[in-house]
Amino acid sequence: MGKDASAEGLAEHVRTLAVDSFNVRMDEPHFRDAMTEAGIGMRQVLEVLRTGRVNGLPELDRYGDYRIRMVRKVAGARVVVVVAVCADHVVCITTW
């Protein structure tokens, strides 16, 4: 991902990667805690990443990866997932 990546371009990359759940890392402790606290399951997270829309502008983090916020209404609830977008996978950072 280049330094000039657009929000929609990053979201499309996330959607493509999320087709295969192997490309989605959900093992960050904060992310797991946020899922539990919000009552959000893995299926909901994957649905957001596969079919959601980008919300806001991408931010470059200190590791050189872009972070974007994806949102979608899933099972009657609005679910937001923040991910770090890497070349061959996404890392789930937090959710609510």
Protein backbone atom coordinates (compact mmCIF):
# COMPACT_ATOMS: atom_id res chain seq x y z
CA MET A 1 0.00 0.00 0.00
CA GLY A 2 1.44 3.31 -1.06
CA LYS A 3 1.59 6.45 1.04
CA ASP A 4 -1.22 7.97 -1.09
CA ALA A 5 -3.77 5.16 -0.64
CA SER A 6 -7.38 6.33 -0.75
CA ALA A 7 -9.94 5.34 1.87
CA GLU A 8 -12.06 3.46 -0.68
CA GLY A 9 -8.99 1.79 -2.20
CA LEU A 10 -7.96 0.53 1.23
CA ALA A 11 -11.51 -0.63 1.98
CA GLU A 12 -11.59 -2.58 -1.29
CA HIS A 13 -8.26 -4.19 -0.36
CA VAL A 14 -9.70 -5.16 3.04
CA ARG A 15 -12.83 -6.63 1.39
CA THR A 16 -10.67 -8.69 -0.96
CA LEU A 17 -8.41 -9.98 1.81
CA ALA A 18 -11.33 -10.76 4.15
CA VAL A 19 -12.87 -13.19 1.65
CA ASP A 20 -10.39 -15.69 3.14
CA SER A 21 -10.59 -15.48 6.94
CA PHE A 22 -6.96 -16.70 7.09
CA ASN A 23 -6.00 -13.15 6.06
CA VAL A 24 -7.79 -11.57 9.05
CA ARG A 25 -5.87 -11.45 12.34
CA MET A 26 -8.15 -11.19 15.38
CA ASP A 27 -5.64 -12.13 18.07
CA GLU A 28 -4.82 -8.72 19.55
CA PRO A 29 -5.82 -8.82 23.26
CA HIS A 30 -7.50 -5.40 23.10
CA PHE A 31 -9.57 -6.50 20.10
CA ARG A 32 -10.69 -9.70 21.84
CA ASP A 33 -11.67 -7.74 24.95
CA ALA A 34 -13.59 -5.18 22.85
CA MET A 35 -15.46 -7.99 21.05
CA THR A 36 -16.48 -9.55 24.33
CA GLU A 37 -17.48 -6.25 25.92
CA ALA A 38 -19.61 -5.24 22.90
CA GLY A 39 -21.09 -8.73 22.40
CA ILE A 40 -19.74 -8.90 18.85
CA GLY A 41 -18.87 -12.26 17.29
CA MET A 42 -16.32 -13.25 14.67
CA ARG A 43 -19.02 -13.70 12.05
CA GLN A 44 -20.14 -10.11 12.54
CA VAL A 45 -16.56 -8.85 12.26
CA LEU A 46 -16.02 -10.79 9.04
CA GLU A 47 -19.30 -9.49 7.62
CA VAL A 48 -18.21 -5.90 8.30
CA LEU A 49 -14.82 -6.48 6.68
CA ARG A 50 -16.28 -8.28 3.65
CA THR A 51 -19.20 -5.99 2.88
CA GLY A 52 -18.88 -2.86 5.03
CA ARG A 53 -18.10 0.67 3.99
CA VAL A 54 -15.21 2.82 5.04
CA ASN A 55 -16.00 5.50 7.62
CA GLY A 56 -13.60 8.43 7.84
CA LEU A 57 -10.12 8.92 6.46
CA PRO A 58 -7.24 6.47 6.68
CA GLU A 59 -4.51 7.19 9.21
CA LEU A 60 -0.90 6.09 8.88
CA ASP A 61 0.19 4.42 12.14
CA ARG A 62 3.65 4.38 13.66
CA TYR A 63 4.35 0.99 12.04
CA GLY A 64 3.79 2.34 8.53
CA ASP A 65 0.41 0.65 8.05
CA TYR A 66 -2.84 2.44 7.30
CA ARG A 67 -5.68 2.12 9.77
CA ILE A 68 -9.23 2.43 8.56
CA ARG A 69 -12.62 2.19 10.18
CA MET A 70 -15.15 -0.12 8.49
CA VAL A 71 -18.83 -0.03 9.42
CA ARG A 72 -21.96 -2.03 8.60
CA LYS A 73 -25.27 -2.90 10.15
CA VAL A 74 -25.11 -6.59 11.09
CA ALA A 75 -27.84 -8.55 12.87
CA GLY A 76 -29.70 -5.32 13.59
CA ALA A 77 -26.75 -3.54 15.18
CA ARG A 78 -24.24 -1.04 13.79
CA VAL A 79 -20.80 -2.65 14.07
CA VAL A 80 -17.53 -0.73 13.63
CA VAL A 81 -14.19 -2.48 13.14
CA VAL A 82 -10.85 -0.64 13.03
CA VAL A 83 -8.14 -2.51 11.14
CA ALA A 84 -4.50 -2.04 10.22
CA VAL A 85 -4.18 -2.76 6.50
CA CYS A 86 -1.08 -4.72 5.50
CA ALA A 87 -0.13 -5.96 2.04
CA ASP A 88 -1.27 -9.56 2.59
CA HIS A 89 -3.46 -9.41 5.71
CA VAL A 90 -5.46 -7.14 8.01
CA VAL A 91 -5.04 -6.83 11.77
CA CYS A 92 -8.18 -6.08 13.76
CA ILE A 93 -7.39 -3.34 16.28
CA THR A 94 -10.70 -2.62 18.00
CA THR A 95 -14.45 -2.83 17.57
CA TRP A 96 -17.65 -1.43 19.01
